[in-house]
Amino acid sequence: MLTKIKNIKQLGAMVKYVRQSQSVDQETAGLLDQSGIEVVVDLPPVLSQKAIKRIENVFSDQ
């Protein structure tokens, strides 16, 4: 199923329902990938180099 998430509240609800359907509590699930959820973000085409660097740093910390 592919769906467009418009806000954090929708994302939280989706994760909650998936977790519940898998009979997994929040502490056990912990990460989205353990629930089988993949989040893809389509960034705007015009970003400053500073913004791009900050985004890259977020993902390099993981």
PDB file of N, CA and C in Angstrom:
ATOM      1  N   MET A   1       0.851  -1.176   0.000  1.00  0.00           N
ATOM      2  CA  MET A   1       0.000   0.000   0.000  1.00  0.00           C
ATOM      3  C   MET A   1       0.896   1.238   0.000  1.00  0.00           C
ATOM      4  N   LEU A   2       0.614   2.160  -0.855  1.00  0.00           N
ATOM      5  CA  LEU A   2       1.341   3.418  -0.939  1.00  0.00           C
ATOM      6  C   LEU A   2       0.369   4.537  -0.604  1.00  0.00           C
ATOM      7  N   THR A   3       0.751   5.405   0.332  1.00  0.00           N
ATOM      8  CA  THR A   3      -0.131   6.497   0.714  1.00  0.00           C
ATOM      9  C   THR A   3       0.671   7.763   0.945  1.00  0.00           C
ATOM     10  N   LYS A   4       0.040   8.898   0.804  1.00  0.00           N
ATOM     11  CA  LYS A   4       0.704  10.181   1.012  1.00  0.00           C
ATOM     12  C   LYS A   4       0.380  10.674   2.421  1.00  0.00           C
ATOM     13  N   ILE A   5       1.415  10.914   3.206  1.00  0.00           N
ATOM     14  CA  ILE A   5       1.259  11.411   4.570  1.00  0.00           C
ATOM     15  C   ILE A   5       1.347  12.932   4.525  1.00  0.00           C
ATOM     16  N   LYS A   6       0.336  13.587   5.077  1.00  0.00           N
ATOM     17  CA  LYS A   6       0.285  15.045   5.009  1.00  0.00           C
ATOM     18  C   LYS A   6       0.783  15.719   6.280  1.00  0.00           C
ATOM     19  N   ASN A   7       0.872  14.967   7.391  1.00  0.00           N
ATOM     20  CA  ASN A   7       1.372  15.568   8.625  1.00  0.00           C
ATOM     21  C   ASN A   7       1.849  14.469   9.587  1.00  0.00           C
ATOM     22  N   ILE A   8       2.488  14.882  10.652  1.00  0.00           N
ATOM     23  CA  ILE A   8       3.055  13.943  11.618  1.00  0.00           C
ATOM     24  C   ILE A   8       1.959  13.141  12.321  1.00  0.00           C
ATOM     25  N   LYS A   9       0.816  13.746  12.542  1.00  0.00           N
ATOM     26  CA  LYS A   9      -0.292  13.043  13.191  1.00  0.00           C
ATOM     27  C   LYS A   9      -0.711  11.824  12.360  1.00  0.00           C
ATOM     28  N   GLN A  10      -0.792  11.986  11.050  1.00  0.00           N
ATOM     29  CA  GLN A  10      -1.138  10.869  10.173  1.00  0.00           C
ATOM     30  C   GLN A  10      -0.061   9.782  10.222  1.00  0.00           C
ATOM     31  N   LEU A  11       1.200  10.182  10.218  1.00  0.00           N
ATOM     32  CA  LEU A  11       2.294   9.217  10.284  1.00  0.00           C
ATOM     33  C   LEU A  11       2.225   8.424  11.586  1.00  0.00           C
ATOM     34  N   GLY A  12       2.026   9.116  12.688  1.00  0.00           N
ATOM     35  CA  GLY A  12       1.923   8.452  13.985  1.00  0.00           C
ATOM     36  C   GLY A  12       0.770   7.461  14.030  1.00  0.00           C
ATOM     37  N   ALA A  13      -0.381   7.866  13.487  1.00  0.00           N
ATOM     38  CA  ALA A  13      -1.544   6.973  13.477  1.00  0.00           C
ATOM     39  C   ALA A  13      -1.282   5.742  12.618  1.00  0.00           C
ATOM     40  N   MET A  14      -0.661   5.931  11.470  1.00  0.00           N
ATOM     41  CA  MET A  14      -0.372   4.805  10.582  1.00  0.00           C
ATOM     42  C   MET A  14       0.560   3.811  11.271  1.00  0.00           C
ATOM     43  N   VAL A  15       1.622   4.322  11.890  1.00  0.00           N
ATOM     44  CA  VAL A  15       2.567   3.444  12.582  1.00  0.00           C
ATOM     45  C   VAL A  15       1.863   2.705  13.717  1.00  0.00           C
ATOM     46  N   LYS A  16       1.017   3.397  14.440  1.00  0.00           N
ATOM     47  CA  LYS A  16       0.273   2.778  15.547  1.00  0.00           C
ATOM     48  C   LYS A  16      -0.590   1.623  15.039  1.00  0.00           C
ATOM     49  N   TYR A  17      -1.327   1.830  13.967  1.00  0.00           N
ATOM     50  CA  TYR A  17      -2.223   0.787  13.451  1.00  0.00           C
ATOM     51  C   TYR A  17      -1.448  -0.403  12.897  1.00  0.00           C
ATOM     52  N   VAL A  18      -0.332  -0.145  12.246  1.00  0.00           N
ATOM     53  CA  VAL A  18       0.500  -1.239  11.745  1.00  0.00           C
ATOM     54  C   VAL A  18       1.054  -2.036  12.916  1.00  0.00           C
ATOM     55  N   ARG A  19       1.563  -1.330  13.916  1.00  0.00           N
ATOM     56  CA  ARG A  19       2.113  -1.986  15.107  1.00  0.00           C
ATOM     57  C   ARG A  19       1.054  -2.837  15.799  1.00  0.00           C
ATOM     58  N   GLN A  20      -0.154  -2.293  15.937  1.00  0.00           N
ATOM     59  CA  GLN A  20      -1.232  -3.034  16.584  1.00  0.00           C
ATOM     60  C   GLN A  20      -1.637  -4.261  15.772  1.00  0.00           C
ATOM     61  N   SER A  21      -1.645  -4.123  14.451  1.00  0.00           N
ATOM     62  CA  SER A  21      -2.039  -5.253  13.609  1.00  0.00           C
ATOM     63  C   SER A  21      -1.015  -6.377  13.678  1.00  0.00           C
ATOM     64  N   GLN A  22       0.234  -6.027  14.034  1.00  0.00           N
ATOM     65  CA  GLN A  22       1.300  -7.022  14.168  1.00  0.00           C
ATOM     66  C   GLN A  22       1.456  -7.484  15.611  1.00  0.00           C
ATOM     67  N   SER A  23       0.576  -7.012  16.482  1.00  0.00           N
ATOM     68  CA  SER A  23       0.621  -7.347  17.919  1.00  0.00           C
ATOM     69  C   SER A  23       1.989  -7.048  18.527  1.00  0.00           C
ATOM     70  N   VAL A  24       2.519  -5.887  18.200  1.00  0.00           N
ATOM     71  CA  VAL A  24       3.819  -5.467  18.710  1.00  0.00           C
ATOM     72  C   VAL A  24       3.607  -4.198  19.522  1.00  0.00           C
ATOM     73  N   ASP A  25       4.184  -4.154  20.736  1.00  0.00           N
ATOM     74  CA  ASP A  25       4.048  -2.930  21.529  1.00  0.00           C
ATOM     75  C   ASP A  25       5.055  -1.887  21.046  1.00  0.00           C
ATOM     76  N   GLN A  26       4.869  -0.659  21.516  1.00  0.00           N
ATOM     77  CA  GLN A  26       5.687   0.450  21.031  1.00  0.00           C
ATOM     78  C   GLN A  26       7.164   0.263  21.389  1.00  0.00           C
ATOM     79  N   GLU A  27       7.455  -0.237  22.566  1.00  0.00           N
ATOM     80  CA  GLU A  27       8.845  -0.421  22.973  1.00  0.00           C
ATOM     81  C   GLU A  27       9.549  -1.463  22.116  1.00  0.00           C
ATOM     82  N   THR A  28       8.843  -2.533  21.743  1.00  0.00           N
ATOM     83  CA  THR A  28       9.433  -3.584  20.927  1.00  0.00           C
ATOM     84  C   THR A  28       9.647  -3.099  19.501  1.00  0.00           C
ATOM     85  N   ALA A  29       8.667  -2.370  18.968  1.00  0.00           N
ATOM     86  CA  ALA A  29       8.746  -1.914  17.580  1.00  0.00           C
ATOM     87  C   ALA A  29       9.892  -0.922  17.405  1.00  0.00           C
ATOM     88  N   GLY A  30       9.924   0.082  18.236  1.00  0.00           N
ATOM     89  CA  GLY A  30      11.020   1.044  18.241  1.00  0.00           C
ATOM     90  C   GLY A  30      11.287   1.738  16.923  1.00  0.00           C
ATOM     91  N   LEU A  31      11.601   1.011  15.881  1.00  0.00           N
ATOM     92  CA  LEU A  31      11.978   1.590  14.593  1.00  0.00           C
ATOM     93  C   LEU A  31      10.939   1.270  13.535  1.00  0.00           C
ATOM     94  N   LEU A  32      10.798   2.201  12.586  1.00  0.00           N
ATOM     95  CA  LEU A  32       9.830   1.998  11.509  1.00  0.00           C
ATOM     96  C   LEU A  32      10.177   0.780  10.672  1.00  0.00           C
ATOM     97  N   ASP A  33      11.453   0.566  10.400  1.00  0.00           N
ATOM     98  CA  ASP A  33      11.831  -0.546   9.523  1.00  0.00           C
ATOM     99  C   ASP A  33      11.499  -1.897  10.136  1.00  0.00           C
ATOM    100  N   GLN A  34      11.431  -1.994  11.451  1.00  0.00           N
ATOM    101  CA  GLN A  34      11.053  -3.251  12.096  1.00  0.00           C
ATOM    102  C   GLN A  34       9.579  -3.550  11.878  1.00  0.00           C
ATOM    103  N   SER A  35       8.793  -2.510  11.584  1.00  0.00           N
ATOM    104  CA  SER A  35       7.370  -2.688  11.315  1.00  0.00           C
ATOM    105  C   SER A  35       7.102  -2.920   9.841  1.00  0.00           C
ATOM    106  N   GLY A  36       8.134  -2.833   9.023  1.00  0.00           N
ATOM    107  CA  GLY A  36       7.947  -2.980   7.579  1.00  0.00           C
ATOM    108  C   GLY A  36       7.494  -1.702   6.914  1.00  0.00           C
ATOM    109  N   ILE A  37       7.650  -0.573   7.604  1.00  0.00           N
ATOM    110  CA  ILE A  37       7.236   0.721   7.054  1.00  0.00           C
ATOM    111  C   ILE A  37       8.461   1.424   6.492  1.00  0.00           C
ATOM    112  N   GLU A  38       8.340   1.902   5.277  1.00  0.00           N
ATOM    113  CA  GLU A  38       9.409   2.661   4.640  1.00  0.00           C
ATOM    114  C   GLU A  38       8.890   4.063   4.369  1.00  0.00           C
ATOM    115  N   VAL A  39       9.626   5.064   4.830  1.00  0.00           N
ATOM    116  CA  VAL A  39       9.238   6.451   4.621  1.00  0.00           C
ATOM    117  C   VAL A  39      10.163   7.050   3.569  1.00  0.00           C
ATOM    118  N   VAL A  40       9.568   7.615   2.532  1.00  0.00           N
ATOM    119  CA  VAL A  40      10.327   8.253   1.455  1.00  0.00           C
ATOM    120  C   VAL A  40       9.921   9.720   1.415  1.00  0.00           C
ATOM    121  N   VAL A  41      10.907  10.595   1.388  1.00  0.00           N
ATOM    122  CA  VAL A  41      10.639  12.028   1.357  1.00  0.00           C
ATOM    123  C   VAL A  41      11.078  12.589   0.011  1.00  0.00           C
ATOM    124  N   ASP A  42      10.181  13.285  -0.649  1.00  0.00           N
ATOM    125  CA  ASP A  42      10.472  13.920  -1.927  1.00  0.00           C
ATOM    126  C   ASP A  42      10.793  15.383  -1.645  1.00  0.00           C
ATOM    127  N   LEU A  43      12.083  15.712  -1.620  1.00  0.00           N
ATOM    128  CA  LEU A  43      12.512  17.072  -1.304  1.00  0.00           C
ATOM    129  C   LEU A  43      12.285  18.014  -2.485  1.00  0.00           C
ATOM    130  N   PRO A  44      12.054  19.285  -2.193  1.00  0.00           N
ATOM    131  CA  PRO A  44      11.878  20.240  -3.277  1.00  0.00           C
ATOM    132  C   PRO A  44      13.158  20.350  -4.105  1.00  0.00           C
ATOM    133  N   PRO A  45      13.022  20.606  -5.403  1.00  0.00           N
ATOM    134  CA  PRO A  45      14.194  20.623  -6.280  1.00  0.00           C
ATOM    135  C   PRO A  45      15.165  21.775  -5.996  1.00  0.00           C
ATOM    136  N   VAL A  46      14.692  22.831  -5.393  1.00  0.00           N
ATOM    137  CA  VAL A  46      15.555  23.985  -5.141  1.00  0.00           C
ATOM    138  C   VAL A  46      15.854  24.068  -3.646  1.00  0.00           C
ATOM    139  N   LEU A  47      17.037  23.579  -3.275  1.00  0.00           N
ATOM    140  CA  LEU A  47      17.492  23.657  -1.899  1.00  0.00           C
ATOM    141  C   LEU A  47      18.880  24.291  -1.888  1.00  0.00           C
ATOM    142  N   SER A  48      19.133  25.053  -0.852  1.00  0.00           N
ATOM    143  CA  SER A  48      20.466  25.648  -0.737  1.00  0.00           C
ATOM    144  C   SER A  48      21.473  24.556  -0.383  1.00  0.00           C
ATOM    145  N   GLN A  49      22.726  24.814  -0.676  1.00  0.00           N
ATOM    146  CA  GLN A  49      23.784  23.865  -0.329  1.00  0.00           C
ATOM    147  C   GLN A  49      23.826  23.648   1.175  1.00  0.00           C
ATOM    148  N   LYS A  50      23.543  24.695   1.940  1.00  0.00           N
ATOM    149  CA  LYS A  50      23.529  24.593   3.397  1.00  0.00           C
ATOM    150  C   LYS A  50      22.449  23.612   3.859  1.00  0.00           C
ATOM    151  N   ALA A  51      21.264  23.709   3.267  1.00  0.00           N
ATOM    152  CA  ALA A  51      20.165  22.802   3.620  1.00  0.00           C
ATOM    153  C   ALA A  51      20.502  21.362   3.242  1.00  0.00           C
ATOM    154  N   ILE A  52      21.073  21.177   2.062  1.00  0.00           N
ATOM    155  CA  ILE A  52      21.458  19.840   1.607  1.00  0.00           C
ATOM    156  C   ILE A  52      22.477  19.238   2.560  1.00  0.00           C
ATOM    157  N   LYS A  53      23.457  20.014   2.976  1.00  0.00           N
ATOM    158  CA  LYS A  53      24.493  19.535   3.899  1.00  0.00           C
ATOM    159  C   LYS A  53      23.884  19.138   5.239  1.00  0.00           C
ATOM    160  N   ARG A  54      22.961  19.935   5.740  1.00  0.00           N
ATOM    161  CA  ARG A  54      22.291  19.605   7.008  1.00  0.00           C
ATOM    162  C   ARG A  54      21.521  18.302   6.898  1.00  0.00           C
ATOM    163  N   ILE A  55      20.830  18.113   5.805  1.00  0.00           N
ATOM    164  CA  ILE A  55      20.060  16.876   5.589  1.00  0.00           C
ATOM    165  C   ILE A  55      21.003  15.681   5.507  1.00  0.00           C
ATOM    166  N   GLU A  56      22.089  15.826   4.781  1.00  0.00           N
ATOM    167  CA  GLU A  56      23.075  14.740   4.675  1.00  0.00           C
ATOM    168  C   GLU A  56      23.647  14.395   6.048  1.00  0.00           C
ATOM    169  N   ASN A  57      23.883  15.398   6.874  1.00  0.00           N
ATOM    170  CA  ASN A  57      24.413  15.166   8.222  1.00  0.00           C
ATOM    171  C   ASN A  57      23.437  14.390   9.096  1.00  0.00           C
ATOM    172  N   VAL A  58      22.159  14.642   8.946  1.00  0.00           N
ATOM    173  CA  VAL A  58      21.162  13.908   9.712  1.00  0.00           C
ATOM    174  C   VAL A  58      21.273  12.423   9.432  1.00  0.00           C
ATOM    175  N   PHE A  59      21.428  12.058   8.169  1.00  0.00           N
ATOM    176  CA  PHE A  59      21.468  10.652   7.791  1.00  0.00           C
ATOM    177  C   PHE A  59      22.833  10.018   8.007  1.00  0.00           C
ATOM    178  N   SER A  60      23.881  10.812   8.038  1.00  0.00           N
ATOM    179  CA  SER A  60      25.204  10.241   8.274  1.00  0.00           C
ATOM    180  C   SER A  60      25.412   9.897   9.741  1.00  0.00           C
ATOM    181  N   ASP A  61      24.589  10.479  10.628  1.00  0.00           N
ATOM    182  CA  ASP A  61      24.677  10.201  12.067  1.00  0.00           C
ATOM    183  C   ASP A  61      24.083   8.850  12.431  1.00  0.00           C
ATOM    184  N   GLN A  62      23.380   8.230  11.538  1.00  0.00           N
ATOM    185  CA  GLN A  62      22.682   6.984  11.872  1.00  0.00           C
ATOM    186  C   GLN A  62      23.549   5.777  11.664  1.00  0.00           C
TER     187      GLN A  62
END
